[in-house]
Amino acid sequence: MADIFPQGLLTPVLAYAVSVIGSFLGLVFASRARRAVGLVRWQWLILAALSLGGIAVWSMHFIAMLGHTISGTIIRYDPFLTLLSGAIPILLMGLALHLVIRNQSNGRLLLSGTLLGVGVVSMHYTGMASMNLHGEMHHDVVPVVASCVIGLVASTVALWFARNLKHNGAILGASLVMGLAVSAMHYTGMAGLHVDSPEMTRYGAPEGVKATELVLPLIVGLFVFVLICSLFLMLSGDEDHRRDYSRPSHRSTEHTVLRGQEDYVPRHGSPDAPLDQDTPGSGDDVWSRPR
């Protein structure tokens, strides 16, 4: 059986903290996407999907996996399945956020939550399938079902948060809950993992790459990318909201007639007056040389 906490609480606490940070960033980006339109909305949605699906869910999963050990065997990771497990929650998170922001009905929320829950569960077990080791992995039915239920509920609640929350204080509290739900889903599924020893003794490492060579660079790169993009967008995203377009310019008030000045005659005459250039002063108050 896999040892879930071989390093004590260090890895679970680190994984939980990363999930909370990703949840907070994603919910902030989702709240900005609700207020934005056009291309700016899609930029916030992409960042929200990367933060929630890539950091809060996928990064948390593999950081927690770094703390799992299976006695008597070496673990390696398949690069393709590892990348696929990261792409699944990001893409489905973006689609689910787009659906609930466009239509905020409860039916759309349940549909999007189910879609996202399937993505989260698929991510978890695709990540498990990416593990190469000398032995055969088995999963107990009860922990698998329990982890799927937690994933579905957590996904629906996360989308509800993304659809409704506005203030940073509420978003922070929701992020703490989301990080707890994602962690509970992961460790519930891992509690039912069993590994059967191979019939023949195998020497050397299995096929694949080390976690420090593949997973850690991906996690760090994704984290840095999201932080840089969010910094640029936060500096420039609200520029249009800070501008007061309702305030008239100095040119628009150049020929404005104020109340009490109804008898004011423009310098170049009234547009209703007939234009007669042979008669000085009719329709033109500009001085001209007498003939």
Protein backbone atom coordinates (compact mmCIF):
# COMPACT_ATOMS: atom_id res chain seq x y z
CA MET A 1 0.00 0.00 0.00
CA ALA A 2 1.23 3.51 -0.79
CA ASP A 3 2.49 5.60 2.07
CA ILE A 4 0.39 8.78 1.85
CA PHE A 5 2.28 10.86 4.41
CA PRO A 6 5.91 9.64 4.34
CA GLN A 7 7.24 13.14 5.05
CA GLY A 8 4.73 14.06 7.72
CA LEU A 9 2.55 17.10 7.10
CA LEU A 10 5.11 19.01 5.02
CA THR A 11 3.90 17.91 1.59
CA PRO A 12 0.14 18.08 2.37
CA VAL A 13 0.49 21.58 3.83
CA LEU A 14 2.53 22.75 0.82
CA ALA A 15 0.02 21.23 -1.62
CA TYR A 16 -2.88 22.83 0.25
CA ALA A 17 -1.17 26.23 0.24
CA VAL A 18 -0.59 26.04 -3.52
CA SER A 19 -4.23 25.07 -4.06
CA VAL A 20 -5.42 28.02 -1.97
CA ILE A 21 -3.20 30.45 -3.90
CA GLY A 22 -4.40 29.11 -7.24
CA SER A 23 -8.03 29.26 -6.09
CA PHE A 24 -7.68 32.84 -4.90
CA LEU A 25 -6.06 34.03 -8.14
CA GLY A 26 -8.60 32.14 -10.25
CA LEU A 27 -11.63 33.52 -8.39
CA VAL A 28 -10.27 37.07 -8.60
CA PHE A 29 -9.73 36.65 -12.34
CA ALA A 30 -13.23 35.19 -12.73
CA SER A 31 -14.78 38.17 -10.94
CA ARG A 32 -12.94 40.50 -13.33
CA ALA A 33 -14.11 38.43 -16.31
CA ARG A 34 -17.73 38.98 -15.25
CA ARG A 35 -17.27 42.75 -15.46
CA ALA A 36 -15.26 42.77 -18.69
CA VAL A 37 -16.37 42.45 -22.30
CA GLY A 38 -14.80 41.39 -25.57
CA LEU A 39 -11.16 40.38 -25.71
CA VAL A 40 -10.44 41.51 -22.15
CA ARG A 41 -13.02 39.03 -20.83
CA TRP A 42 -11.29 36.17 -22.65
CA GLN A 43 -7.94 37.21 -21.19
CA TRP A 44 -9.33 37.05 -17.67
CA LEU A 45 -11.06 33.73 -18.41
CA ILE A 46 -7.82 32.17 -19.67
CA LEU A 47 -5.98 33.31 -16.56
CA ALA A 48 -8.80 32.01 -14.35
CA ALA A 49 -8.68 28.62 -16.08
CA LEU A 50 -4.89 28.43 -15.72
CA SER A 51 -5.08 29.39 -12.05
CA LEU A 52 -7.99 27.16 -11.02
CA GLY A 53 -7.37 24.20 -13.31
CA GLY A 54 -3.59 24.40 -13.57
CA ILE A 55 -2.50 25.58 -10.12
CA ALA A 56 -5.35 24.89 -7.68
CA VAL A 57 -6.06 21.40 -9.07
CA TRP A 58 -3.24 20.00 -11.21
CA SER A 59 -0.25 21.52 -9.38
CA MET A 60 -1.74 20.56 -6.03
CA HIS A 61 -2.13 16.97 -7.25
CA PHE A 62 1.46 16.52 -8.36
CA ILE A 63 2.95 18.35 -5.40
CA ALA A 64 1.06 15.90 -3.20
CA MET A 65 2.29 13.03 -5.40
CA LEU A 66 5.88 14.06 -4.67
CA GLY A 67 5.23 13.02 -1.09
CA HIS A 68 3.93 9.56 -2.00
CA THR A 69 6.33 6.67 -1.83
CA ILE A 70 5.82 2.99 -2.55
CA SER A 71 8.22 0.81 -0.65
CA GLY A 72 10.51 -1.33 -2.78
CA THR A 73 9.98 0.45 -6.09
CA ILE A 74 11.08 3.54 -8.00
CA ILE A 75 8.49 5.87 -9.51
CA ARG A 76 8.88 7.55 -12.91
CA TYR A 77 6.38 9.64 -14.86
CA ASP A 78 5.22 9.37 -18.45
CA PRO A 79 5.65 12.85 -20.05
CA PHE A 80 2.66 12.62 -22.39
CA LEU A 81 0.17 11.48 -19.75
CA THR A 82 1.52 14.05 -17.32
CA LEU A 83 0.95 16.89 -19.80
CA LEU A 84 -2.46 15.47 -20.71
CA SER A 85 -3.48 15.37 -17.06
CA GLY A 86 -2.67 19.08 -16.84
CA ALA A 87 -4.45 20.05 -20.06
CA ILE A 88 -7.73 18.34 -19.08
CA PRO A 89 -8.65 20.49 -16.03
CA ILE A 90 -7.42 23.71 -17.65
CA LEU A 91 -9.53 23.28 -20.80
CA LEU A 92 -12.64 22.08 -18.98
CA MET A 93 -12.27 24.80 -16.36
CA GLY A 94 -12.18 27.45 -19.08
CA LEU A 95 -15.25 25.98 -20.76
CA ALA A 96 -17.18 25.69 -17.49
CA LEU A 97 -16.35 29.28 -16.48
CA HIS A 98 -17.43 30.53 -19.90
CA LEU A 99 -20.76 28.72 -19.57
CA VAL A 100 -21.64 29.97 -16.08
CA ILE A 101 -20.61 33.56 -16.82
CA ARG A 102 -22.72 33.74 -19.98
CA ASN A 103 -25.76 32.11 -18.38
CA GLN A 104 -26.07 32.34 -14.59
CA SER A 105 -29.01 29.98 -14.20
CA ASN A 106 -28.84 27.14 -11.70
CA GLY A 107 -29.33 24.57 -14.46
CA ARG A 108 -26.27 25.86 -16.28
CA LEU A 109 -24.35 25.81 -12.98
CA LEU A 110 -25.16 22.13 -12.38
CA LEU A 111 -24.29 21.22 -15.96
CA SER A 112 -20.97 23.08 -15.80
CA GLY A 113 -20.20 21.64 -12.37
CA THR A 114 -20.74 18.12 -13.63
CA LEU A 115 -18.55 18.76 -16.66
CA LEU A 116 -15.79 20.22 -14.51
CA GLY A 117 -16.10 17.44 -11.95
CA VAL A 118 -15.54 14.84 -14.65
CA GLY A 119 -12.47 16.83 -15.73
CA VAL A 120 -11.05 16.97 -12.20
CA VAL A 121 -11.56 13.26 -11.62
CA SER A 122 -10.08 12.48 -15.05
CA MET A 123 -7.07 14.62 -14.20
CA HIS A 124 -6.48 12.72 -10.97
CA TYR A 125 -6.60 9.25 -12.46
CA THR A 126 -4.77 10.26 -15.62
CA GLY A 127 -2.02 11.53 -13.35
CA MET A 128 -2.07 8.23 -11.52
CA ALA A 129 -1.81 6.39 -14.84
CA SER A 130 1.26 8.45 -15.71
CA MET A 131 3.16 6.77 -12.87
CA ASN A 132 5.48 4.01 -14.05
CA LEU A 133 6.71 1.55 -11.45
CA HIS A 134 7.64 -2.10 -11.01
CA GLY A 135 4.31 -3.47 -9.92
CA GLU A 136 0.58 -3.26 -10.65
CA MET A 137 -1.65 -0.59 -9.14
CA HIS A 138 -5.18 -1.30 -7.91
CA HIS A 139 -7.84 1.06 -6.51
CA ASP A 140 -10.52 0.20 -3.98
CA VAL A 141 -14.05 1.02 -5.12
CA VAL A 142 -15.22 2.95 -2.06
CA PRO A 143 -12.40 5.53 -1.99
CA VAL A 144 -12.69 6.00 -5.76
CA VAL A 145 -16.44 6.68 -5.54
CA ALA A 146 -15.96 8.99 -2.57
CA SER A 147 -13.25 10.97 -4.38
CA CYS A 148 -15.51 11.31 -7.45
CA VAL A 149 -18.36 12.66 -5.31
CA ILE A 150 -16.04 15.14 -3.61
CA GLY A 151 -14.71 16.23 -7.00
CA LEU A 152 -18.20 16.85 -8.39
CA VAL A 153 -19.35 18.80 -5.34
CA ALA A 154 -16.13 20.81 -5.14
CA SER A 155 -16.33 21.70 -8.85
CA THR A 156 -19.92 22.92 -8.57
CA VAL A 157 -19.13 24.97 -5.47
CA ALA A 158 -16.06 26.46 -7.16
CA LEU A 159 -18.15 27.58 -10.13
CA TRP A 160 -20.75 29.07 -7.79
CA PHE A 161 -17.97 31.04 -6.11
CA ALA A 162 -16.67 32.19 -9.50
CA ARG A 163 -20.16 33.26 -10.56
CA ASN A 164 -21.17 35.19 -7.44
CA LEU A 165 -18.26 36.38 -5.29
CA LYS A 166 -16.93 39.91 -5.73
CA HIS A 167 -15.04 41.04 -2.63
CA ASN A 168 -11.53 39.83 -1.87
CA GLY A 169 -12.43 38.88 1.70
CA ALA A 170 -15.14 36.49 0.56
CA ILE A 171 -12.90 35.17 -2.21
CA LEU A 172 -10.14 34.43 0.33
CA GLY A 173 -12.55 32.47 2.50
CA ALA A 174 -13.80 30.56 -0.53
CA SER A 175 -10.21 29.79 -1.54
CA LEU A 176 -9.54 28.19 1.84
CA VAL A 177 -12.61 25.98 1.36
CA MET A 178 -11.68 25.08 -2.21
CA GLY A 179 -8.13 24.15 -1.24
CA LEU A 180 -9.51 21.86 1.46
CA ALA A 181 -11.96 20.23 -0.97
CA VAL A 182 -9.32 19.60 -3.64
CA SER A 183 -6.94 18.14 -1.06
CA ALA A 184 -9.69 15.93 0.38
CA MET A 185 -10.52 14.63 -3.10
CA HIS A 186 -6.88 13.76 -3.79
CA TYR A 187 -6.05 12.04 -0.51
CA THR A 188 -9.38 10.18 -0.44
CA GLY A 189 -8.54 8.65 -3.81
CA MET A 190 -4.98 7.84 -2.74
CA ALA A 191 -6.21 6.10 0.42
CA GLY A 192 -7.50 3.20 -1.68
CA LEU A 193 -4.35 2.70 -3.77
CA HIS A 194 -2.67 -0.71 -3.58
CA VAL A 195 0.40 -1.92 -5.47
CA ASP A 196 1.07 -5.60 -6.09
CA SER A 197 4.69 -6.62 -6.28
CA PRO A 198 5.84 -8.04 -9.63
CA GLU A 199 6.24 -11.79 -10.00
CA MET A 200 9.86 -11.37 -11.08
CA THR A 201 12.34 -9.06 -9.47
CA ARG A 202 13.20 -6.17 -11.75
CA TYR A 203 16.29 -4.07 -11.37
CA GLY A 204 16.81 -0.48 -12.40
CA ALA A 205 14.33 2.33 -12.85
CA PRO A 206 11.19 1.96 -14.97
CA GLU A 207 10.63 4.01 -18.13
CA GLY A 208 9.86 7.69 -17.77
CA VAL A 209 11.42 10.75 -16.17
CA LYS A 210 11.93 11.83 -12.60
CA ALA A 211 9.42 14.16 -10.98
CA THR A 212 12.14 16.74 -10.37
CA GLU A 213 12.97 16.76 -14.08
CA LEU A 214 9.42 17.07 -15.40
CA VAL A 215 6.79 17.96 -12.83
CA LEU A 216 8.59 20.61 -10.83
CA PRO A 217 9.67 22.69 -13.88
CA LEU A 218 6.10 22.54 -15.20
CA ILE A 219 4.63 23.68 -11.89
CA VAL A 220 7.15 26.48 -11.39
CA GLY A 221 6.83 27.63 -15.01
CA LEU A 222 3.03 27.71 -14.84
CA PHE A 223 3.09 29.59 -11.54
CA VAL A 224 5.53 32.23 -12.82
CA PHE A 225 3.61 32.62 -16.10
CA VAL A 226 0.29 33.22 -14.34
CA LEU A 227 1.81 35.72 -11.90
CA ILE A 228 3.49 37.71 -14.69
CA CYS A 229 0.36 37.79 -16.86
CA SER A 230 -1.83 38.76 -13.93
CA LEU A 231 0.54 41.58 -13.02
CA PHE A 232 0.41 43.07 -16.51
CA LEU A 233 -3.36 42.71 -16.78
CA MET A 234 -3.99 44.18 -13.34
CA LEU A 235 -1.90 47.21 -14.28
CA SER A 236 -3.67 47.75 -17.60
CA GLY A 237 -7.00 45.95 -17.35
CA ASP A 238 -8.90 48.70 -15.50
CA GLU A 239 -7.49 51.58 -17.50
CA ASP A 240 -10.71 52.05 -19.41
CA HIS A 241 -12.71 52.04 -16.17
CA ARG A 242 -10.55 54.82 -14.75
CA ARG A 243 -11.23 57.05 -17.73
CA ASP A 244 -14.25 59.34 -17.43
CA TYR A 245 -15.70 59.34 -20.90
CA SER A 246 -18.82 61.16 -19.74
CA ARG A 247 -16.78 64.26 -19.02
CA PRO A 248 -16.91 66.59 -22.03
CA SER A 249 -13.68 67.78 -23.58
CA HIS A 250 -12.70 71.43 -23.95
CA ARG A 251 -13.54 71.27 -27.67
CA SER A 252 -17.08 70.08 -27.03
CA THR A 253 -17.79 73.11 -24.81
CA GLU A 254 -16.27 75.60 -27.24
CA HIS A 255 -19.60 76.57 -28.80
CA THR A 256 -21.95 75.49 -26.01
CA VAL A 257 -24.67 78.00 -25.28
CA LEU A 258 -25.30 78.29 -21.57
CA ARG A 259 -28.67 78.95 -19.96
CA GLY A 260 -29.42 82.65 -20.02
CA GLN A 261 -27.42 83.24 -23.18
CA GLU A 262 -30.12 82.39 -25.71
CA ASP A 263 -29.50 85.69 -27.52
CA TYR A 264 -25.88 84.85 -28.15
CA VAL A 265 -24.92 85.12 -31.82
CA PRO A 266 -21.93 83.07 -32.94
CA ARG A 267 -18.88 84.89 -34.23
CA HIS A 268 -19.46 83.64 -37.77
CA GLY A 269 -23.17 84.17 -37.79
CA SER A 270 -26.19 81.98 -37.40
CA PRO A 271 -26.47 78.92 -39.58
CA ASP A 272 -30.13 79.86 -40.24
CA ALA A 273 -29.26 83.29 -41.58
CA PRO A 274 -29.02 83.61 -45.37
CA LEU A 275 -25.52 83.87 -46.66
CA ASP A 276 -25.10 87.05 -48.70
CA GLN A 277 -21.48 87.96 -49.21
CA ASP A 278 -22.38 91.22 -51.05
CA THR A 279 -24.09 92.66 -48.00
CA PRO A 280 -21.67 93.27 -45.12
CA GLY A 281 -22.91 92.12 -41.76
CA SER A 282 -25.64 89.81 -43.10
CA GLY A 283 -24.78 86.31 -42.10
CA ASP A 284 -21.14 87.24 -41.53
CA ASP A 285 -19.79 89.43 -38.77
CA VAL A 286 -16.22 89.30 -39.99
CA TRP A 287 -14.92 92.76 -40.97
CA SER A 288 -14.19 93.14 -44.65
CA ARG A 289 -12.50 95.93 -46.61
CA PRO A 290 -15.08 98.37 -47.97
CA ARG A 291 -15.33 98.54 -51.75
